[in-house]
Amino acid sequence: MFGSAGYTYTYVIHKHCLVNVVSGRVNHHPEAVLIRSLEPFVGLDLMYERRGTMKKVTKAVREE
């Protein structure tokens, strides 16, 4: 939270990968945005190929 804006921190808590994106200015109060999840829109076929069709890539309905 102390880097320049746009810097990202990734970490794992309880088997979940989390991402913080720094949003404040350097040498001011530490500020960041916590990103807890993302929904993929591009590359779903490759994700299913790598993970297997039995694992869900997203909760959204997959359109062919």
PDB file of N, CA and C in Angstrom:
ATOM      1  N   MET A   1       0.815  -1.197   0.000  1.00  0.00           N
ATOM      2  CA  MET A   1       0.000   0.000   0.000  1.00  0.00           C
ATOM      3  C   MET A   1       0.859   1.263   0.000  1.00  0.00           C
ATOM      4  N   PHE A   2       2.155   1.063  -0.016  1.00  0.00           N
ATOM      5  CA  PHE A   2       3.049   2.214   0.082  1.00  0.00           C
ATOM      6  C   PHE A   2       3.783   2.504  -1.217  1.00  0.00           C
ATOM      7  N   GLY A   3       3.470   1.759  -2.283  1.00  0.00           N
ATOM      8  CA  GLY A   3       4.103   2.009  -3.574  1.00  0.00           C
ATOM      9  C   GLY A   3       3.347   3.083  -4.339  1.00  0.00           C
ATOM     10  N   SER A   4       3.723   3.271  -5.581  1.00  0.00           N
ATOM     11  CA  SER A   4       3.031   4.256  -6.411  1.00  0.00           C
ATOM     12  C   SER A   4       1.707   3.684  -6.913  1.00  0.00           C
ATOM     13  N   ALA A   5       0.796   4.561  -7.298  1.00  0.00           N
ATOM     14  CA  ALA A   5      -0.535   4.136  -7.753  1.00  0.00           C
ATOM     15  C   ALA A   5      -0.408   3.168  -8.922  1.00  0.00           C
ATOM     16  N   GLY A   6      -1.214   2.106  -8.877  1.00  0.00           N
ATOM     17  CA  GLY A   6      -1.183   1.094  -9.910  1.00  0.00           C
ATOM     18  C   GLY A   6      -0.371  -0.131  -9.529  1.00  0.00           C
ATOM     19  N   TYR A   7       0.470  -0.015  -8.522  1.00  0.00           N
ATOM     20  CA  TYR A   7       1.259  -1.155  -8.049  1.00  0.00           C
ATOM     21  C   TYR A   7       0.321  -2.195  -7.451  1.00  0.00           C
ATOM     22  N   THR A   8       0.573  -3.480  -7.724  1.00  0.00           N
ATOM     23  CA  THR A   8      -0.325  -4.517  -7.225  1.00  0.00           C
ATOM     24  C   THR A   8       0.393  -5.437  -6.247  1.00  0.00           C
ATOM     25  N   TYR A   9      -0.352  -5.869  -5.255  1.00  0.00           N
ATOM     26  CA  TYR A   9       0.098  -6.869  -4.297  1.00  0.00           C
ATOM     27  C   TYR A   9      -0.824  -8.067  -4.436  1.00  0.00           C
ATOM     28  N   THR A  10      -0.275  -9.256  -4.510  1.00  0.00           N
ATOM     29  CA  THR A  10      -1.099 -10.463  -4.535  1.00  0.00           C
ATOM     30  C   THR A  10      -0.731 -11.314  -3.325  1.00  0.00           C
ATOM     31  N   TYR A  11      -1.723 -11.974  -2.758  1.00  0.00           N
ATOM     32  CA  TYR A  11      -1.489 -12.828  -1.609  1.00  0.00           C
ATOM     33  C   TYR A  11      -2.616 -13.839  -1.485  1.00  0.00           C
ATOM     34  N   VAL A  12      -2.374 -14.878  -0.692  1.00  0.00           N
ATOM     35  CA  VAL A  12      -3.355 -15.945  -0.506  1.00  0.00           C
ATOM     36  C   VAL A  12      -3.793 -15.961   0.958  1.00  0.00           C
ATOM     37  N   ILE A  13      -5.115 -15.982   1.162  1.00  0.00           N
ATOM     38  CA  ILE A  13      -5.697 -16.123   2.488  1.00  0.00           C
ATOM     39  C   ILE A  13      -6.760 -17.207   2.406  1.00  0.00           C
ATOM     40  N   HIS A  14      -6.612 -18.233   3.216  1.00  0.00           N
ATOM     41  CA  HIS A  14      -7.584 -19.328   3.255  1.00  0.00           C
ATOM     42  C   HIS A  14      -7.867 -19.899   1.858  1.00  0.00           C
ATOM     43  N   LYS A  15      -6.824 -20.138   1.089  1.00  0.00           N
ATOM     44  CA  LYS A  15      -6.895 -20.730  -0.251  1.00  0.00           C
ATOM     45  C   LYS A  15      -7.525 -19.818  -1.302  1.00  0.00           C
ATOM     46  N   HIS A  16      -7.696 -18.541  -1.007  1.00  0.00           N
ATOM     47  CA  HIS A  16      -8.229 -17.583  -1.977  1.00  0.00           C
ATOM     48  C   HIS A  16      -7.122 -16.606  -2.360  1.00  0.00           C
ATOM     49  N   CYS A  17      -6.951 -16.393  -3.652  1.00  0.00           N
ATOM     50  CA  CYS A  17      -5.963 -15.432  -4.135  1.00  0.00           C
ATOM     51  C   CYS A  17      -6.604 -14.052  -4.163  1.00  0.00           C
ATOM     52  N   LEU A  18      -5.989 -13.094  -3.493  1.00  0.00           N
ATOM     53  CA  LEU A  18      -6.508 -11.730  -3.429  1.00  0.00           C
ATOM     54  C   LEU A  18      -5.512 -10.777  -4.069  1.00  0.00           C
ATOM     55  N   VAL A  19      -6.020  -9.651  -4.555  1.00  0.00           N
ATOM     56  CA  VAL A  19      -5.192  -8.648  -5.204  1.00  0.00           C
ATOM     57  C   VAL A  19      -5.535  -7.282  -4.628  1.00  0.00           C
ATOM     58  N   ASN A  20      -4.518  -6.531  -4.233  1.00  0.00           N
ATOM     59  CA  ASN A  20      -4.684  -5.134  -3.850  1.00  0.00           C
ATOM     60  C   ASN A  20      -4.019  -4.275  -4.917  1.00  0.00           C
ATOM     61  N   VAL A  21      -4.689  -3.223  -5.332  1.00  0.00           N
ATOM     62  CA  VAL A  21      -4.118  -2.269  -6.276  1.00  0.00           C
ATOM     63  C   VAL A  21      -3.974  -0.942  -5.541  1.00  0.00           C
ATOM     64  N   VAL A  22      -2.742  -0.442  -5.469  1.00  0.00           N
ATOM     65  CA  VAL A  22      -2.480   0.818  -4.772  1.00  0.00           C
ATOM     66  C   VAL A  22      -3.168   1.954  -5.524  1.00  0.00           C
ATOM     67  N   SER A  23      -3.857   2.814  -4.766  1.00  0.00           N
ATOM     68  CA  SER A  23      -4.604   3.904  -5.398  1.00  0.00           C
ATOM     69  C   SER A  23      -4.182   5.280  -4.904  1.00  0.00           C
ATOM     70  N   GLY A  24      -3.353   5.352  -3.885  1.00  0.00           N
ATOM     71  CA  GLY A  24      -2.952   6.647  -3.327  1.00  0.00           C
ATOM     72  C   GLY A  24      -1.617   7.120  -3.871  1.00  0.00           C
ATOM     73  N   ARG A  25      -1.230   8.291  -3.425  1.00  0.00           N
ATOM     74  CA  ARG A  25       0.052   8.865  -3.834  1.00  0.00           C
ATOM     75  C   ARG A  25       1.164   8.392  -2.895  1.00  0.00           C
ATOM     76  N   VAL A  26       2.393   8.372  -3.392  1.00  0.00           N
ATOM     77  CA  VAL A  26       3.546   7.975  -2.589  1.00  0.00           C
ATOM     78  C   VAL A  26       3.738   8.983  -1.462  1.00  0.00           C
ATOM     79  N   ASN A  27       4.138   8.485  -0.290  1.00  0.00           N
ATOM     80  CA  ASN A  27       4.420   9.295   0.898  1.00  0.00           C
ATOM     81  C   ASN A  27       3.183   9.964   1.483  1.00  0.00           C
ATOM     82  N   HIS A  28       2.010   9.475   1.173  1.00  0.00           N
ATOM     83  CA  HIS A  28       0.782   9.942   1.804  1.00  0.00           C
ATOM     84  C   HIS A  28       0.184   8.765   2.566  1.00  0.00           C
ATOM     85  N   HIS A  29      -1.061   8.853   2.925  1.00  0.00           N
ATOM     86  CA  HIS A  29      -1.704   7.745   3.617  1.00  0.00           C
ATOM     87  C   HIS A  29      -1.795   6.541   2.682  1.00  0.00           C
ATOM     88  N   PRO A  30      -1.501   5.340   3.195  1.00  0.00           N
ATOM     89  CA  PRO A  30      -1.594   4.150   2.334  1.00  0.00           C
ATOM     90  C   PRO A  30      -3.035   3.910   1.899  1.00  0.00           C
ATOM     91  N   GLU A  31      -3.251   3.796   0.608  1.00  0.00           N
ATOM     92  CA  GLU A  31      -4.585   3.553   0.056  1.00  0.00           C
ATOM     93  C   GLU A  31      -4.489   2.461  -0.997  1.00  0.00           C
ATOM     94  N   ALA A  32      -5.500   1.574  -1.008  1.00  0.00           N
ATOM     95  CA  ALA A  32      -5.536   0.519  -2.018  1.00  0.00           C
ATOM     96  C   ALA A  32      -6.964   0.037  -2.190  1.00  0.00           C
ATOM     97  N   VAL A  33      -7.198  -0.619  -3.315  1.00  0.00           N
ATOM     98  CA  VAL A  33      -8.487  -1.230  -3.622  1.00  0.00           C
ATOM     99  C   VAL A  33      -8.288  -2.737  -3.567  1.00  0.00           C
ATOM    100  N   LEU A  34      -9.128  -3.421  -2.795  1.00  0.00           N
ATOM    101  CA  LEU A  34      -9.064  -4.876  -2.704  1.00  0.00           C
ATOM    102  C   LEU A  34      -9.948  -5.485  -3.784  1.00  0.00           C
ATOM    103  N   ILE A  35      -9.364  -6.337  -4.613  1.00  0.00           N
ATOM    104  CA  ILE A  35     -10.122  -7.048  -5.643  1.00  0.00           C
ATOM    105  C   ILE A  35     -10.252  -8.483  -5.175  1.00  0.00           C
ATOM    106  N   ARG A  36     -11.474  -8.898  -4.888  1.00  0.00           N
ATOM    107  CA  ARG A  36     -11.708 -10.234  -4.346  1.00  0.00           C
ATOM    108  C   ARG A  36     -12.069 -11.250  -5.416  1.00  0.00           C
ATOM    109  N   SER A  37     -12.571 -10.803  -6.542  1.00  0.00           N
ATOM    110  CA  SER A  37     -12.895 -11.749  -7.608  1.00  0.00           C
ATOM    111  C   SER A  37     -12.980 -11.019  -8.938  1.00  0.00           C
ATOM    112  N   LEU A  38     -12.845 -11.785  -9.995  1.00  0.00           N
ATOM    113  CA  LEU A  38     -12.960 -11.274 -11.364  1.00  0.00           C
ATOM    114  C   LEU A  38     -13.791 -12.271 -12.163  1.00  0.00           C
ATOM    115  N   GLU A  39     -14.442 -11.795 -13.181  1.00  0.00           N
ATOM    116  CA  GLU A  39     -15.176 -12.679 -14.072  1.00  0.00           C
ATOM    117  C   GLU A  39     -14.529 -12.617 -15.445  1.00  0.00           C
ATOM    118  N   PRO A  40     -14.000 -13.733 -15.918  1.00  0.00           N
ATOM    119  CA  PRO A  40     -13.336 -13.719 -17.223  1.00  0.00           C
ATOM    120  C   PRO A  40     -14.339 -13.602 -18.365  1.00  0.00           C
ATOM    121  N   PHE A  41     -13.972 -12.857 -19.375  1.00  0.00           N
ATOM    122  CA  PHE A  41     -14.790 -12.711 -20.583  1.00  0.00           C
ATOM    123  C   PHE A  41     -14.045 -13.213 -21.815  1.00  0.00           C
ATOM    124  N   VAL A  42     -12.734 -13.236 -21.753  1.00  0.00           N
ATOM    125  CA  VAL A  42     -11.906 -13.639 -22.884  1.00  0.00           C
ATOM    126  C   VAL A  42     -11.051 -14.824 -22.452  1.00  0.00           C
ATOM    127  N   GLY A  43     -10.875 -15.785 -23.322  1.00  0.00           N
ATOM    128  CA  GLY A  43      -9.997 -16.906 -23.046  1.00  0.00           C
ATOM    129  C   GLY A  43     -10.628 -18.045 -22.276  1.00  0.00           C
ATOM    130  N   LEU A  44     -11.966 -18.114 -22.261  1.00  0.00           N
ATOM    131  CA  LEU A  44     -12.638 -19.180 -21.521  1.00  0.00           C
ATOM    132  C   LEU A  44     -12.263 -20.567 -22.037  1.00  0.00           C
ATOM    133  N   ASP A  45     -12.160 -20.724 -23.339  1.00  0.00           N
ATOM    134  CA  ASP A  45     -11.802 -22.030 -23.903  1.00  0.00           C
ATOM    135  C   ASP A  45     -10.432 -22.488 -23.398  1.00  0.00           C
ATOM    136  N   LEU A  46      -9.471 -21.581 -23.350  1.00  0.00           N
ATOM    137  CA  LEU A  46      -8.139 -21.915 -22.856  1.00  0.00           C
ATOM    138  C   LEU A  46      -8.185 -22.250 -21.362  1.00  0.00           C
ATOM    139  N   MET A  47      -9.006 -21.532 -20.606  1.00  0.00           N
ATOM    140  CA  MET A  47      -9.137 -21.821 -19.175  1.00  0.00           C
ATOM    141  C   MET A  47      -9.711 -23.208 -18.945  1.00  0.00           C
ATOM    142  N   TYR A  48     -10.744 -23.568 -19.701  1.00  0.00           N
ATOM    143  CA  TYR A  48     -11.317 -24.905 -19.580  1.00  0.00           C
ATOM    144  C   TYR A  48     -10.326 -25.978 -20.034  1.00  0.00           C
ATOM    145  N   GLU A  49      -9.540 -25.675 -21.060  1.00  0.00           N
ATOM    146  CA  GLU A  49      -8.543 -26.626 -21.537  1.00  0.00           C
ATOM    147  C   GLU A  49      -7.504 -26.893 -20.447  1.00  0.00           C
ATOM    148  N   ARG A  50      -7.076 -25.851 -19.762  1.00  0.00           N
ATOM    149  CA  ARG A  50      -6.045 -25.993 -18.729  1.00  0.00           C
ATOM    150  C   ARG A  50      -6.591 -26.577 -17.432  1.00  0.00           C
ATOM    151  N   ARG A  51      -7.825 -26.238 -17.062  1.00  0.00           N
ATOM    152  CA  ARG A  51      -8.392 -26.682 -15.789  1.00  0.00           C
ATOM    153  C   ARG A  51      -9.223 -27.945 -15.904  1.00  0.00           C
ATOM    154  N   GLY A  52      -9.667 -28.267 -17.112  1.00  0.00           N
ATOM    155  CA  GLY A  52     -10.556 -29.410 -17.294  1.00  0.00           C
ATOM    156  C   GLY A  52     -12.000 -28.927 -17.278  1.00  0.00           C
ATOM    157  N   THR A  53     -12.859 -29.668 -17.926  1.00  0.00           N
ATOM    158  CA  THR A  53     -14.248 -29.224 -18.052  1.00  0.00           C
ATOM    159  C   THR A  53     -15.043 -29.436 -16.769  1.00  0.00           C
ATOM    160  N   MET A  54     -14.534 -30.244 -15.827  1.00  0.00           N
ATOM    161  CA  MET A  54     -15.266 -30.506 -14.596  1.00  0.00           C
ATOM    162  C   MET A  54     -15.158 -29.350 -13.599  1.00  0.00           C
ATOM    163  N   LYS A  55     -14.137 -28.527 -13.723  1.00  0.00           N
ATOM    164  CA  LYS A  55     -13.973 -27.395 -12.809  1.00  0.00           C
ATOM    165  C   LYS A  55     -14.609 -26.161 -13.418  1.00  0.00           C
ATOM    166  N   LYS A  56     -15.357 -25.424 -12.625  1.00  0.00           N
ATOM    167  CA  LYS A  56     -15.979 -24.196 -13.112  1.00  0.00           C
ATOM    168  C   LYS A  56     -14.932 -23.098 -13.211  1.00  0.00           C
ATOM    169  N   VAL A  57     -14.972 -22.367 -14.299  1.00  0.00           N
ATOM    170  CA  VAL A  57     -14.097 -21.225 -14.463  1.00  0.00           C
ATOM    171  C   VAL A  57     -14.781 -19.984 -13.915  1.00  0.00           C
ATOM    172  N   THR A  58     -16.076 -19.881 -14.076  1.00  0.00           N
ATOM    173  CA  THR A  58     -16.828 -18.738 -13.607  1.00  0.00           C
ATOM    174  C   THR A  58     -18.242 -19.179 -13.245  1.00  0.00           C
ATOM    175  N   LYS A  59     -18.919 -18.407 -12.420  1.00  0.00           N
ATOM    176  CA  LYS A  59     -20.286 -18.723 -12.044  1.00  0.00           C
ATOM    177  C   LYS A  59     -21.269 -18.305 -13.124  1.00  0.00           C
ATOM    178  N   ALA A  60     -20.829 -17.468 -14.043  1.00  0.00           N
ATOM    179  CA  ALA A  60     -21.705 -16.994 -15.111  1.00  0.00           C
ATOM    180  C   ALA A  60     -22.020 -18.135 -16.078  1.00  0.00           C
ATOM    181  N   VAL A  61     -23.108 -18.007 -16.776  1.00  0.00           N
ATOM    182  CA  VAL A  61     -23.478 -19.012 -17.772  1.00  0.00           C
ATOM    183  C   VAL A  61     -22.528 -18.888 -18.954  1.00  0.00           C
ATOM    184  N   ARG A  62     -21.953 -19.992 -19.350  1.00  0.00           N
ATOM    185  CA  ARG A  62     -20.996 -19.996 -20.461  1.00  0.00           C
ATOM    186  C   ARG A  62     -21.761 -20.163 -21.753  1.00  0.00           C
ATOM    187  N   GLU A  63     -21.616 -19.193 -22.647  1.00  0.00           N
ATOM    188  CA  GLU A  63     -22.276 -19.249 -23.944  1.00  0.00           C
ATOM    189  C   GLU A  63     -21.296 -19.774 -24.974  1.00  0.00           C
ATOM    190  N   GLU A  64     -21.725 -20.687 -25.791  1.00  0.00           N
ATOM    191  CA  GLU A  64     -20.874 -21.257 -26.856  1.00  0.00           C
ATOM    192  C   GLU A  64     -20.978 -20.414 -28.094  1.00  0.00           C
TER     193      GLU A  64
END
